[in-house]
Amino acid sequence: MDKWNSELCGADYRPALTVRSFGSRGKSIRIAGHTTGRVHHFFSMVEESAFLLYDWLPDVSDIREQYALELDVTQAIAFELGIAHITDRKSGKPHPVTTDLVLSRRVGSGEVTQVRSCKRSGDLGGSRTLQKLEIERQYWLRRGIEWKLVTERDLPDPLIRNLRWLHPFVQPSSVGIASEHLAYLIKNLHRRIQDQREKSLAYICTECDRSLGTEPGGHLALARHAVASRQWRVDLHAEIDPSRPLLLRDDTSTEAS
């Protein structure tokens, strides 16, 4: 594990910026992370969308957002490039550059660090945005760490909508059904979906709620949990619509990458 992964990580990590950093200005998002077991802080839909993808991938072992870069290093890079460093609006003093996502990913028996900066494609036309990104890129390049720019074009809408729909239901406790009944109910629902392939997911779930006496919406939550926890495999690049049949896959290929 390299030195960047030896810092605080997982549930102990604290981002340099949180949703409280800017008061009510702009868009701020708080979302629980399943990989880390803590709440993450984001300031754009692109950041959140990228997070949903990386929080889903099984080879990602840690996600650190709003990661502050060493100020003296970024100041030196900015000077070399002839770029004005970021400054605090109130004090005018140099302000730390932050990277949107720092990922730890399992590779073989070890781990590697990867960095992702998340921006709307429409925001890349401004020279100042590109200058700030170049400071980031150079910072990580000089450490031999992979840096990539991610825009909404790299995050297919159906995939992200599916992950956003599934994200709250990864944990068994999210279903609202006693844990000792989950395995049976998931198996029973799976069989019904396979036996009634022409019926919509919503119809089958409603019928299961009625016949088994579960709360309305209980079996739809169960279906979301079964997919979110990878007990069922579906093509996540095709949007899941409860008003249509759910196509379950029997293969073991990866749904998202």
Foldseek 3Di string as FASTA:
>chain_A
DDPVVVDDWAARDDAPDAPPNVPPPAAKDWDAAPLRRHIDIDRDPQLVLVRLQLSQDPQWNTKHANAFDDQVLLVVVCVVVVHDADADPPPRHHDTQTFGIWIWGDDPPHIAIAGEHEDAPVPPPDPNVVSSVVSVVVRVVVVVHHYDYHHVVNRQPLLSVLSVVLVQLQDPVSLVDDPVCLVVLLVVLVVVLVVCVFAFQLVSQQVCCVVVVNDVVNVVSSVSNCDSNVVWDAQSSHHRDRRGRGDTDPDDDDNHD
